Amino acid sequence: VALISRRSRHRAGMRYKRRGVDKNGNVANYVETEQLIHVHNHTLSFI
């Protein structure tokens, strides 16, 4: 089982100081978390 969280470098900031979207469509404090399970030579992923 693997858990990987990646925080975007675009629009990162402190809570209450960085909110919403910018002109390029980047949202504040964006995080992608992927959960991986590898069993019997199969890998399952949920993002």
ModelCIF file with pLDDT and N, C-alpha, C, O atoms, coordinates in Angstrom:
data_MODEL
#
_entry.id   MODEL 
#
_entity.id                         1 
_entity.type                       polymer 
_entity.pdbx_number_of_molecules   1 
#
_entity_poly.entity_id                      1 
_entity_poly.type                           'polypeptide(L)' 
_entity_poly.nstd_linkage                   no 
_entity_poly.nstd_monomer                   no 
_entity_poly.pdbx_seq_one_letter_code       VALISRRSRHRAGMRYKRRGVDKNGNVANYVETEQLIHVHNHTLSFI 
_entity_poly.pdbx_seq_one_letter_code_can   VALISRRSRHRAGMRYKRRGVDKNGNVANYVETEQLIHVHNHTLSFI 
_entity_poly.pdbx_strand_id                 A 
#
loop_
_entity_poly_seq.entity_id 
_entity_poly_seq.num 
_entity_poly_seq.mon_id 
_entity_poly_seq.hetero 
1 1  VAL n 
1 2  ALA n 
1 3  LEU n 
1 4  ILE n 
1 5  SER n 
1 6  ARG n 
1 7  ARG n 
1 8  SER n 
1 9  ARG n 
1 10 HIS n 
1 11 ARG n 
1 12 ALA n 
1 13 GLY n 
1 14 MET n 
1 15 ARG n 
1 16 TYR n 
1 17 LYS n 
1 18 ARG n 
1 19 ARG n 
1 20 GLY n 
1 21 VAL n 
1 22 ASP n 
1 23 LYS n 
1 24 ASN n 
1 25 GLY n 
1 26 ASN n 
1 27 VAL n 
1 28 ALA n 
1 29 ASN n 
1 30 TYR n 
1 31 VAL n 
1 32 GLU n 
1 33 THR n 
1 34 GLU n 
1 35 GLN n 
1 36 LEU n 
1 37 ILE n 
1 38 HIS n 
1 39 VAL n 
1 40 HIS n 
1 41 ASN n 
1 42 HIS n 
1 43 THR n 
1 44 LEU n 
1 45 SER n 
1 46 PHE n 
1 47 ILE n 
#
_struct_asym.id          A 
_struct_asym.entity_id   1 
#
loop_
_ma_qa_metric.id 
_ma_qa_metric.mode 
_ma_qa_metric.name 
_ma_qa_metric.software_group_id 
_ma_qa_metric.type 
1 global pLDDT . pLDDT 
2 local  pLDDT . pLDDT 
#
_ma_qa_metric_global.metric_id      1 
_ma_qa_metric_global.metric_value   90.43 
_ma_qa_metric_global.model_id       1 
_ma_qa_metric_global.ordinal_id     1 
#
loop_
_ma_qa_metric_local.label_asym_id 
_ma_qa_metric_local.label_comp_id 
_ma_qa_metric_local.label_seq_id 
_ma_qa_metric_local.metric_id 
_ma_qa_metric_local.metric_value 
_ma_qa_metric_local.model_id 
_ma_qa_metric_local.ordinal_id 
A VAL 1  2 96.00 1 1  
A ALA 2  2 97.00 1 2  
A LEU 3  2 96.00 1 3  
A ILE 4  2 96.00 1 4  
A SER 5  2 96.00 1 5  
A ARG 6  2 94.00 1 6  
A ARG 7  2 92.00 1 7  
A SER 8  2 90.00 1 8  
A ARG 9  2 87.00 1 9  
A HIS 10 2 89.00 1 10 
A ARG 11 2 83.00 1 11 
A ALA 12 2 81.00 1 12 
A GLY 13 2 75.00 1 13 
A MET 14 2 75.00 1 14 
A ARG 15 2 69.00 1 15 
A TYR 16 2 64.00 1 16 
A LYS 17 2 75.00 1 17 
A ARG 18 2 83.00 1 18 
A ARG 19 2 91.00 1 19 
A GLY 20 2 93.00 1 20 
A VAL 21 2 95.00 1 21 
A ASP 22 2 94.00 1 22 
A LYS 23 2 95.00 1 23 
A ASN 24 2 95.00 1 24 
A GLY 25 2 95.00 1 25 
A ASN 26 2 96.00 1 26 
A VAL 27 2 95.00 1 27 
A ALA 28 2 94.00 1 28 
A ASN 29 2 92.00 1 29 
A TYR 30 2 94.00 1 30 
A VAL 31 2 95.00 1 31 
A GLU 32 2 96.00 1 32 
A THR 33 2 97.00 1 33 
A GLU 34 2 97.00 1 34 
A GLN 35 2 97.00 1 35 
A LEU 36 2 96.00 1 36 
A ILE 37 2 94.00 1 37 
A HIS 38 2 93.00 1 38 
A VAL 39 2 87.00 1 39 
A HIS 40 2 82.00 1 40 
A ASN 41 2 85.00 1 41 
A HIS 42 2 90.00 1 42 
A THR 43 2 94.00 1 43 
A LEU 44 2 95.00 1 44 
A SER 45 2 95.00 1 45 
A PHE 46 2 95.00 1 46 
A ILE 47 2 95.00 1 47 
#
loop_
_atom_site.group_PDB 
_atom_site.id 
_atom_site.type_symbol 
_atom_site.label_atom_id 
_atom_site.label_alt_id 
_atom_site.label_comp_id 
_atom_site.label_asym_id 
_atom_site.label_entity_id 
_atom_site.label_seq_id 
_atom_site.pdbx_PDB_ins_code 
_atom_site.Cartn_x 
_atom_site.Cartn_y 
_atom_site.Cartn_z 
_atom_site.occupancy 
_atom_site.B_iso_or_equiv 
_atom_site.pdbx_formal_charge 
_atom_site.auth_seq_id 
_atom_site.auth_comp_id 
_atom_site.auth_asym_id 
_atom_site.auth_atom_id 
_atom_site.pdbx_PDB_model_num 
ATOM 1   N N  . VAL A 1 1  ? 0.856  -1.178  0.000   1.00 96.00 ? 1  VAL A N  1 
ATOM 2   C CA . VAL A 1 1  ? 0.000  0.000   0.000   1.00 96.00 ? 1  VAL A CA 1 
ATOM 3   C C  . VAL A 1 1  ? 0.893  1.230   0.000   1.00 96.00 ? 1  VAL A C  1 
ATOM 4   O O  . VAL A 1 1  ? 1.816  1.341   0.807   1.00 96.00 ? 1  VAL A O  1 
ATOM 5   N N  . ALA A 1 2  ? 0.609  2.153   -0.916  1.00 97.00 ? 2  ALA A N  1 
ATOM 6   C CA . ALA A 1 2  ? 1.389  3.392   -0.988  1.00 97.00 ? 2  ALA A CA 1 
ATOM 7   C C  . ALA A 1 2  ? 0.433  4.576   -0.971  1.00 97.00 ? 2  ALA A C  1 
ATOM 8   O O  . ALA A 1 2  ? -0.647 4.536   -1.561  1.00 97.00 ? 2  ALA A O  1 
ATOM 9   N N  . LEU A 1 3  ? 0.850  5.617   -0.290  1.00 96.00 ? 3  LEU A N  1 
ATOM 10  C CA . LEU A 1 3  ? 0.104  6.868   -0.242  1.00 96.00 ? 3  LEU A CA 1 
ATOM 11  C C  . LEU A 1 3  ? 1.067  7.972   -0.641  1.00 96.00 ? 3  LEU A C  1 
ATOM 12  O O  . LEU A 1 3  ? 2.111  8.159   -0.017  1.00 96.00 ? 3  LEU A O  1 
ATOM 13  N N  . ILE A 1 4  ? 0.706  8.702   -1.688  1.00 96.00 ? 4  ILE A N  1 
ATOM 14  C CA . ILE A 1 4  ? 1.563  9.772   -2.204  1.00 96.00 ? 4  ILE A CA 1 
ATOM 15  C C  . ILE A 1 4  ? 0.728  11.033  -2.340  1.00 96.00 ? 4  ILE A C  1 
ATOM 16  O O  . ILE A 1 4  ? -0.257 11.053  -3.078  1.00 96.00 ? 4  ILE A O  1 
ATOM 17  N N  . SER A 1 5  ? 1.116  12.080  -1.635  1.00 96.00 ? 5  SER A N  1 
ATOM 18  C CA . SER A 1 5  ? 0.441  13.379  -1.752  1.00 96.00 ? 5  SER A CA 1 
ATOM 19  C C  . SER A 1 5  ? 1.420  14.379  -2.319  1.00 96.00 ? 5  SER A C  1 
ATOM 20  O O  . SER A 1 5  ? 2.558  14.488  -1.863  1.00 96.00 ? 5  SER A O  1 
ATOM 21  N N  . ARG A 1 6  ? 0.959  15.113  -3.328  1.00 94.00 ? 6  ARG A N  1 
ATOM 22  C CA . ARG A 1 6  ? 1.798  16.124  -3.981  1.00 94.00 ? 6  ARG A CA 1 
ATOM 23  C C  . ARG A 1 6  ? 1.060  17.455  -3.949  1.00 94.00 ? 6  ARG A C  1 
ATOM 24  O O  . ARG A 1 6  ? -0.067 17.560  -4.433  1.00 94.00 ? 6  ARG A O  1 
ATOM 25  N N  . ARG A 1 7  ? 1.695  18.461  -3.381  1.00 92.00 ? 7  ARG A N  1 
ATOM 26  C CA . ARG A 1 7  ? 1.110  19.798  -3.327  1.00 92.00 ? 7  ARG A CA 1 
ATOM 27  C C  . ARG A 1 7  ? 1.617  20.595  -4.515  1.00 92.00 ? 7  ARG A C  1 
ATOM 28  O O  . ARG A 1 7  ? 2.806  20.572  -4.832  1.00 92.00 ? 7  ARG A O  1 
ATOM 29  N N  . SER A 1 8  ? 0.710  21.294  -5.163  1.00 90.00 ? 8  SER A N  1 
ATOM 30  C CA . SER A 1 8  ? 1.083  22.079  -6.333  1.00 90.00 ? 8  SER A CA 1 
ATOM 31  C C  . SER A 1 8  ? 1.931  23.274  -5.937  1.00 90.00 ? 8  SER A C  1 
ATOM 32  O O  . SER A 1 8  ? 1.757  23.852  -4.865  1.00 90.00 ? 8  SER A O  1 
ATOM 33  N N  . ARG A 1 9  ? 2.852  23.634  -6.819  1.00 87.00 ? 9  ARG A N  1 
ATOM 34  C CA . ARG A 1 9  ? 3.675  24.825  -6.584  1.00 87.00 ? 9  ARG A CA 1 
ATOM 35  C C  . ARG A 1 9  ? 2.927  26.089  -7.014  1.00 87.00 ? 9  ARG A C  1 
ATOM 36  O O  . ARG A 1 9  ? 3.331  27.199  -6.669  1.00 87.00 ? 9  ARG A O  1 
ATOM 37  N N  . HIS A 1 10 ? 1.844  25.919  -7.764  1.00 89.00 ? 10 HIS A N  1 
ATOM 38  C CA . HIS A 1 10 ? 1.051  27.059  -8.220  1.00 89.00 ? 10 HIS A CA 1 
ATOM 39  C C  . HIS A 1 10 ? 0.067  27.476  -7.128  1.00 89.00 ? 10 HIS A C  1 
ATOM 40  O O  . HIS A 1 10 ? -0.713 26.651  -6.651  1.00 89.00 ? 10 HIS A O  1 
ATOM 41  N N  . ARG A 1 11 ? 0.097  28.688  -6.748  1.00 83.00 ? 11 ARG A N  1 
ATOM 42  C CA . ARG A 1 11 ? -0.866 29.286  -5.816  1.00 83.00 ? 11 ARG A CA 1 
ATOM 43  C C  . ARG A 1 11 ? -0.820 28.679  -4.413  1.00 83.00 ? 11 ARG A C  1 
ATOM 44  O O  . ARG A 1 11 ? -1.844 28.603  -3.734  1.00 83.00 ? 11 ARG A O  1 
ATOM 45  N N  . ALA A 1 12 ? 0.345  28.256  -3.988  1.00 81.00 ? 12 ALA A N  1 
ATOM 46  C CA . ALA A 1 12 ? 0.503  27.753  -2.620  1.00 81.00 ? 12 ALA A CA 1 
ATOM 47  C C  . ALA A 1 12 ? 0.505  28.948  -1.664  1.00 81.00 ? 12 ALA A C  1 
ATOM 48  O O  . ALA A 1 12 ? 0.940  30.040  -2.030  1.00 81.00 ? 12 ALA A O  1 
ATOM 49  N N  . GLY A 1 13 ? 0.030  28.742  -0.469  1.00 75.00 ? 13 GLY A N  1 
ATOM 50  C CA . GLY A 1 13 ? 0.029  29.831  0.503   1.00 75.00 ? 13 GLY A CA 1 
ATOM 51  C C  . GLY A 1 13 ? -0.617 29.437  1.805   1.00 75.00 ? 13 GLY A C  1 
ATOM 52  O O  . GLY A 1 13 ? -1.092 28.313  1.972   1.00 75.00 ? 13 GLY A O  1 
ATOM 53  N N  . MET A 1 14 ? -0.628 30.384  2.732   1.00 75.00 ? 14 MET A N  1 
ATOM 54  C CA . MET A 1 14 ? -1.212 30.144  4.053   1.00 75.00 ? 14 MET A CA 1 
ATOM 55  C C  . MET A 1 14 ? -2.733 30.198  3.989   1.00 75.00 ? 14 MET A C  1 
ATOM 56  O O  . MET A 1 14 ? -3.319 30.928  3.191   1.00 75.00 ? 14 MET A O  1 
ATOM 57  N N  . ARG A 1 15 ? -3.348 29.404  4.853   1.00 69.00 ? 15 ARG A N  1 
ATOM 58  C CA . ARG A 1 15 ? -4.803 29.419  4.957   1.00 69.00 ? 15 ARG A CA 1 
ATOM 59  C C  . ARG A 1 15 ? -5.269 30.826  5.327   1.00 69.00 ? 15 ARG A C  1 
ATOM 60  O O  . ARG A 1 15 ? -4.607 31.519  6.099   1.00 69.00 ? 15 ARG A O  1 
ATOM 61  N N  . TYR A 1 16 ? -6.386 31.237  4.787   1.00 64.00 ? 16 TYR A N  1 
ATOM 62  C CA . TYR A 1 16 ? -7.002 32.562  4.941   1.00 64.00 ? 16 TYR A CA 1 
ATOM 63  C C  . TYR A 1 16 ? -6.250 33.651  4.171   1.00 64.00 ? 16 TYR A C  1 
ATOM 64  O O  . TYR A 1 16 ? -6.783 34.746  3.990   1.00 64.00 ? 16 TYR A O  1 
ATOM 65  N N  . LYS A 1 17 ? -5.040 33.379  3.720   1.00 75.00 ? 17 LYS A N  1 
ATOM 66  C CA . LYS A 1 17 ? -4.301 34.376  2.943   1.00 75.00 ? 17 LYS A CA 1 
ATOM 67  C C  . LYS A 1 17 ? -4.337 34.055  1.452   1.00 75.00 ? 17 LYS A C  1 
ATOM 68  O O  . LYS A 1 17 ? -4.256 34.964  0.626   1.00 75.00 ? 17 LYS A O  1 
ATOM 69  N N  . ARG A 1 18 ? -4.458 32.777  1.096   1.00 83.00 ? 18 ARG A N  1 
ATOM 70  C CA . ARG A 1 18 ? -4.471 32.374  -0.312  1.00 83.00 ? 18 ARG A CA 1 
ATOM 71  C C  . ARG A 1 18 ? -5.743 31.556  -0.541  1.00 83.00 ? 18 ARG A C  1 
ATOM 72  O O  . ARG A 1 18 ? -5.888 30.456  -0.007  1.00 83.00 ? 18 ARG A O  1 
ATOM 73  N N  . ARG A 1 19 ? -6.647 32.097  -1.327  1.00 91.00 ? 19 ARG A N  1 
ATOM 74  C CA . ARG A 1 19 ? -7.940 31.458  -1.580  1.00 91.00 ? 19 ARG A CA 1 
ATOM 75  C C  . ARG A 1 19 ? -8.287 31.533  -3.056  1.00 91.00 ? 19 ARG A C  1 
ATOM 76  O O  . ARG A 1 19 ? -7.713 32.336  -3.793  1.00 91.00 ? 19 ARG A O  1 
ATOM 77  N N  . GLY A 1 20 ? -9.226 30.697  -3.493  1.00 93.00 ? 20 GLY A N  1 
ATOM 78  C CA . GLY A 1 20 ? -9.815 30.800  -4.818  1.00 93.00 ? 20 GLY A CA 1 
ATOM 79  C C  . GLY A 1 20 ? -8.913 30.407  -5.969  1.00 93.00 ? 20 GLY A C  1 
ATOM 80  O O  . GLY A 1 20 ? -7.982 29.616  -5.817  1.00 93.00 ? 20 GLY A O  1 
ATOM 81  N N  . VAL A 1 21 ? -9.214 30.981  -7.126  1.00 95.00 ? 21 VAL A N  1 
ATOM 82  C CA . VAL A 1 21 ? -8.563 30.646  -8.391  1.00 95.00 ? 21 VAL A CA 1 
ATOM 83  C C  . VAL A 1 21 ? -7.780 31.852  -8.902  1.00 95.00 ? 21 VAL A C  1 
ATOM 84  O O  . VAL A 1 21 ? -8.089 32.988  -8.543  1.00 95.00 ? 21 VAL A O  1 
ATOM 85  N N  . ASP A 1 22 ? -6.771 31.613  -9.737  1.00 94.00 ? 22 ASP A N  1 
ATOM 86  C CA . ASP A 1 22 ? -6.071 32.727  -10.370 1.00 94.00 ? 22 ASP A CA 1 
ATOM 87  C C  . ASP A 1 22 ? -6.445 32.796  -11.852 1.00 94.00 ? 22 ASP A C  1 
ATOM 88  O O  . ASP A 1 22 ? -7.251 31.992  -12.321 1.00 94.00 ? 22 ASP A O  1 
ATOM 89  N N  . LYS A 1 23 ? -5.879 33.732  -12.582 1.00 95.00 ? 23 LYS A N  1 
ATOM 90  C CA . LYS A 1 23 ? -6.252 33.958  -13.990 1.00 95.00 ? 23 LYS A CA 1 
ATOM 91  C C  . LYS A 1 23 ? -5.899 32.788  -14.898 1.00 95.00 ? 23 LYS A C  1 
ATOM 92  O O  . LYS A 1 23 ? -6.416 32.701  -16.011 1.00 95.00 ? 23 LYS A O  1 
ATOM 93  N N  . ASN A 1 24 ? -5.017 31.872  -14.441 1.00 95.00 ? 24 ASN A N  1 
ATOM 94  C CA . ASN A 1 24 ? -4.632 30.706  -15.230 1.00 95.00 ? 24 ASN A CA 1 
ATOM 95  C C  . ASN A 1 24 ? -5.420 29.445  -14.877 1.00 95.00 ? 24 ASN A C  1 
ATOM 96  O O  . ASN A 1 24 ? -5.202 28.391  -15.474 1.00 95.00 ? 24 ASN A O  1 
ATOM 97  N N  . GLY A 1 25 ? -6.328 29.546  -13.918 1.00 95.00 ? 25 GLY A N  1 
ATOM 98  C CA . GLY A 1 25 ? -7.126 28.390  -13.510 1.00 95.00 ? 25 GLY A CA 1 
ATOM 99  C C  . GLY A 1 25 ? -6.516 27.574  -12.388 1.00 95.00 ? 25 GLY A C  1 
ATOM 100 O O  . GLY A 1 25 ? -7.030 26.505  -12.058 1.00 95.00 ? 25 GLY A O  1 
ATOM 101 N N  . ASN A 1 26 ? -5.425 28.056  -11.789 1.00 96.00 ? 26 ASN A N  1 
ATOM 102 C CA . ASN A 1 26 ? -4.816 27.358  -10.645 1.00 96.00 ? 26 ASN A CA 1 
ATOM 103 C C  . ASN A 1 26 ? -5.566 27.728  -9.377  1.00 96.00 ? 26 ASN A C  1 
ATOM 104 O O  . ASN A 1 26 ? -5.847 28.901  -9.135  1.00 96.00 ? 26 ASN A O  1 
ATOM 105 N N  . VAL A 1 27 ? -5.890 26.727  -8.569  1.00 95.00 ? 27 VAL A N  1 
ATOM 106 C CA . VAL A 1 27 ? -6.580 27.002  -7.313  1.00 95.00 ? 27 VAL A CA 1 
ATOM 107 C C  . VAL A 1 27 ? -5.598 26.983  -6.156  1.00 95.00 ? 27 VAL A C  1 
ATOM 108 O O  . VAL A 1 27 ? -4.564 26.318  -6.215  1.00 95.00 ? 27 VAL A O  1 
ATOM 109 N N  . ALA A 1 28 ? -5.925 27.708  -5.120  1.00 94.00 ? 28 ALA A N  1 
ATOM 110 C CA . ALA A 1 28 ? -5.068 27.805  -3.940  1.00 94.00 ? 28 ALA A CA 1 
ATOM 111 C C  . ALA A 1 28 ? -4.960 26.454  -3.238  1.00 94.00 ? 28 ALA A C  1 
ATOM 112 O O  . ALA A 1 28 ? -5.933 25.711  -3.115  1.00 94.00 ? 28 ALA A O  1 
ATOM 113 N N  . ASN A 1 29 ? -3.750 26.165  -2.786  1.00 92.00 ? 29 ASN A N  1 
ATOM 114 C CA . ASN A 1 29 ? -3.459 25.001  -1.945  1.00 92.00 ? 29 ASN A CA 1 
ATOM 115 C C  . ASN A 1 29 ? -3.988 23.684  -2.519  1.00 92.00 ? 29 ASN A C  1 
ATOM 116 O O  . ASN A 1 29 ? -4.630 22.899  -1.821  1.00 92.00 ? 29 ASN A O  1 
ATOM 117 N N  . TYR A 1 30 ? -3.709 23.465  -3.784  1.00 94.00 ? 30 TYR A N  1 
ATOM 118 C CA . TYR A 1 30 ? -4.137 22.277  -4.510  1.00 94.00 ? 30 TYR A CA 1 
ATOM 119 C C  . TYR A 1 30 ? -3.227 21.096  -4.146  1.00 94.00 ? 30 TYR A C  1 
ATOM 120 O O  . TYR A 1 30 ? -2.002 21.218  -4.155  1.00 94.00 ? 30 TYR A O  1 
ATOM 121 N N  . VAL A 1 31 ? -3.844 19.957  -3.825  1.00 95.00 ? 31 VAL A N  1 
ATOM 122 C CA . VAL A 1 31 ? -3.104 18.742  -3.470  1.00 95.00 ? 31 VAL A CA 1 
ATOM 123 C C  . VAL A 1 31 ? -3.708 17.557  -4.219  1.00 95.00 ? 31 VAL A C  1 
ATOM 124 O O  . VAL A 1 31 ? -4.927 17.392  -4.266  1.00 95.00 ? 31 VAL A O  1 
ATOM 125 N N  . GLU A 1 32 ? -2.835 16.736  -4.803  1.00 96.00 ? 32 GLU A N  1 
ATOM 126 C CA . GLU A 1 32 ? -3.249 15.487  -5.429  1.00 96.00 ? 32 GLU A CA 1 
ATOM 127 C C  . GLU A 1 32 ? -2.743 14.357  -4.539  1.00 96.00 ? 32 GLU A C  1 
ATOM 128 O O  . GLU A 1 32 ? -1.555 14.298  -4.222  1.00 96.00 ? 32 GLU A O  1 
ATOM 129 N N  . THR A 1 33 ? -3.640 13.462  -4.136  1.00 97.00 ? 33 THR A N  1 
ATOM 130 C CA . THR A 1 33 ? -3.266 12.317  -3.316  1.00 97.00 ? 33 THR A CA 1 
ATOM 131 C C  . THR A 1 33 ? -3.613 11.042  -4.063  1.00 97.00 ? 33 THR A C  1 
ATOM 132 O O  . THR A 1 33 ? -4.751 10.844  -4.490  1.00 97.00 ? 33 THR A O  1 
ATOM 133 N N  . GLU A 1 34 ? -2.616 10.181  -4.213  1.00 97.00 ? 34 GLU A N  1 
ATOM 134 C CA . GLU A 1 34 ? -2.828 8.905   -4.895  1.00 97.00 ? 34 GLU A CA 1 
ATOM 135 C C  . GLU A 1 34 ? -2.633 7.776   -3.899  1.00 97.00 ? 34 GLU A C  1 
ATOM 136 O O  . GLU A 1 34 ? -1.645 7.735   -3.165  1.00 97.00 ? 34 GLU A O  1 
ATOM 137 N N  . GLN A 1 35 ? -3.593 6.861   -3.887  1.00 97.00 ? 35 GLN A N  1 
ATOM 138 C CA . GLN A 1 35 ? -3.519 5.668   -3.054  1.00 97.00 ? 35 GLN A CA 1 
ATOM 139 C C  . GLN A 1 35 ? -3.307 4.485   -3.994  1.00 97.00 ? 35 GLN A C  1 
ATOM 140 O O  . GLN A 1 35 ? -4.094 4.263   -4.914  1.00 97.00 ? 35 GLN A O  1 
ATOM 141 N N  . LEU A 1 36 ? -2.244 3.733   -3.757  1.00 96.00 ? 36 LEU A N  1 
ATOM 142 C CA . LEU A 1 36 ? -1.912 2.592   -4.606  1.00 96.00 ? 36 LEU A CA 1 
ATOM 143 C C  . LEU A 1 36 ? -1.941 1.312   -3.788  1.00 96.00 ? 36 LEU A C  1 
ATOM 144 O O  . LEU A 1 36 ? -1.464 1.278   -2.654  1.00 96.00 ? 36 LEU A O  1 
ATOM 145 N N  . ILE A 1 37 ? -2.504 0.264   -4.369  1.00 94.00 ? 37 ILE A N  1 
ATOM 146 C CA . ILE A 1 37 ? -2.464 -1.060  -3.763  1.00 94.00 ? 37 ILE A CA 1 
ATOM 147 C C  . ILE A 1 37 ? -1.915 -2.002  -4.820  1.00 94.00 ? 37 ILE A C  1 
ATOM 148 O O  . ILE A 1 37 ? -2.441 -2.074  -5.931  1.00 94.00 ? 37 ILE A O  1 
ATOM 149 N N  . HIS A 1 38 ? -0.843 -2.733  -4.469  1.00 93.00 ? 38 HIS A N  1 
ATOM 150 C CA . HIS A 1 38 ? -0.245 -3.698  -5.391  1.00 93.00 ? 38 HIS A CA 1 
ATOM 151 C C  . HIS A 1 38 ? -0.399 -5.084  -4.784  1.00 93.00 ? 38 HIS A C  1 
ATOM 152 O O  . HIS A 1 38 ? 0.117  -5.353  -3.699  1.00 93.00 ? 38 HIS A O  1 
ATOM 153 N N  . VAL A 1 39 ? -1.115 -5.970  -5.490  1.00 87.00 ? 39 VAL A N  1 
ATOM 154 C CA . VAL A 1 39 ? -1.344 -7.322  -5.013  1.00 87.00 ? 39 VAL A CA 1 
ATOM 155 C C  . VAL A 1 39 ? -1.458 -8.252  -6.226  1.00 87.00 ? 39 VAL A C  1 
ATOM 156 O O  . VAL A 1 39 ? -2.090 -7.901  -7.223  1.00 87.00 ? 39 VAL A O  1 
ATOM 157 N N  . HIS A 1 40 ? -0.851 -9.429  -6.141  1.00 82.00 ? 40 HIS A N  1 
ATOM 158 C CA . HIS A 1 40 ? -0.901 -10.430 -7.218  1.00 82.00 ? 40 HIS A CA 1 
ATOM 159 C C  . HIS A 1 40 ? -0.491 -9.843  -8.570  1.00 82.00 ? 40 HIS A C  1 
ATOM 160 O O  . HIS A 1 40 ? -1.145 -10.111 -9.578  1.00 82.00 ? 40 HIS A O  1 
ATOM 161 N N  . ASN A 1 41 ? 0.544  -9.072  -8.604  1.00 85.00 ? 41 ASN A N  1 
ATOM 162 C CA . ASN A 1 41 ? 1.028  -8.443  -9.836  1.00 85.00 ? 41 ASN A CA 1 
ATOM 163 C C  . ASN A 1 41 ? 0.025  -7.488  -10.480 1.00 85.00 ? 41 ASN A C  1 
ATOM 164 O O  . ASN A 1 41 ? 0.120  -7.192  -11.671 1.00 85.00 ? 41 ASN A O  1 
ATOM 165 N N  . HIS A 1 42 ? -0.920 -7.018  -9.702  1.00 90.00 ? 42 HIS A N  1 
ATOM 166 C CA . HIS A 1 42 ? -1.880 -6.013  -10.167 1.00 90.00 ? 42 HIS A CA 1 
ATOM 167 C C  . HIS A 1 42 ? -1.713 -4.775  -9.298  1.00 90.00 ? 42 HIS A C  1 
ATOM 168 O O  . HIS A 1 42 ? -1.507 -4.874  -8.089  1.00 90.00 ? 42 HIS A O  1 
ATOM 169 N N  . THR A 1 43 ? -1.803 -3.625  -9.922  1.00 94.00 ? 43 THR A N  1 
ATOM 170 C CA . THR A 1 43 ? -1.731 -2.373  -9.176  1.00 94.00 ? 43 THR A CA 1 
ATOM 171 C C  . THR A 1 43 ? -3.039 -1.612  -9.373  1.00 94.00 ? 43 THR A C  1 
ATOM 172 O O  . THR A 1 43 ? -3.472 -1.380  -10.502 1.00 94.00 ? 43 THR A O  1 
ATOM 173 N N  . LEU A 1 44 ? -3.653 -1.233  -8.276  1.00 95.00 ? 44 LEU A N  1 
ATOM 174 C CA . LEU A 1 44 ? -4.882 -0.444  -8.279  1.00 95.00 ? 44 LEU A CA 1 
ATOM 175 C C  . LEU A 1 44 ? -4.540 0.962   -7.793  1.00 95.00 ? 44 LEU A C  1 
ATOM 176 O O  . LEU A 1 44 ? -3.729 1.136   -6.883  1.00 95.00 ? 44 LEU A O  1 
ATOM 177 N N  . SER A 1 45 ? -5.162 1.950   -8.407  1.00 95.00 ? 45 SER A N  1 
ATOM 178 C CA . SER A 1 45 ? -4.871 3.334   -8.046  1.00 95.00 ? 45 SER A CA 1 
ATOM 179 C C  . SER A 1 45 ? -6.164 4.109   -7.870  1.00 95.00 ? 45 SER A C  1 
ATOM 180 O O  . SER A 1 45 ? -7.112 3.938   -8.636  1.00 95.00 ? 45 SER A O  1 
ATOM 181 N N  . PHE A 1 46 ? -6.195 4.955   -6.864  1.00 95.00 ? 46 PHE A N  1 
ATOM 182 C CA . PHE A 1 46 ? -7.313 5.877   -6.645  1.00 95.00 ? 46 PHE A CA 1 
ATOM 183 C C  . PHE A 1 46 ? -6.712 7.253   -6.398  1.00 95.00 ? 46 PHE A C  1 
ATOM 184 O O  . PHE A 1 46 ? -5.873 7.419   -5.514  1.00 95.00 ? 46 PHE A O  1 
ATOM 185 N N  . ILE A 1 47 ? -7.138 8.232   -7.173  1.00 95.00 ? 47 ILE A N  1 
ATOM 186 C CA . ILE A 1 47 ? -6.604 9.583   -7.039  1.00 95.00 ? 47 ILE A CA 1 
ATOM 187 C C  . ILE A 1 47 ? -7.701 10.523  -6.556  1.00 95.00 ? 47 ILE A C  1 
ATOM 188 O O  . ILE A 1 47 ? -7.457 11.716  -6.378  1.00 95.00 ? 47 ILE A O  1 
#
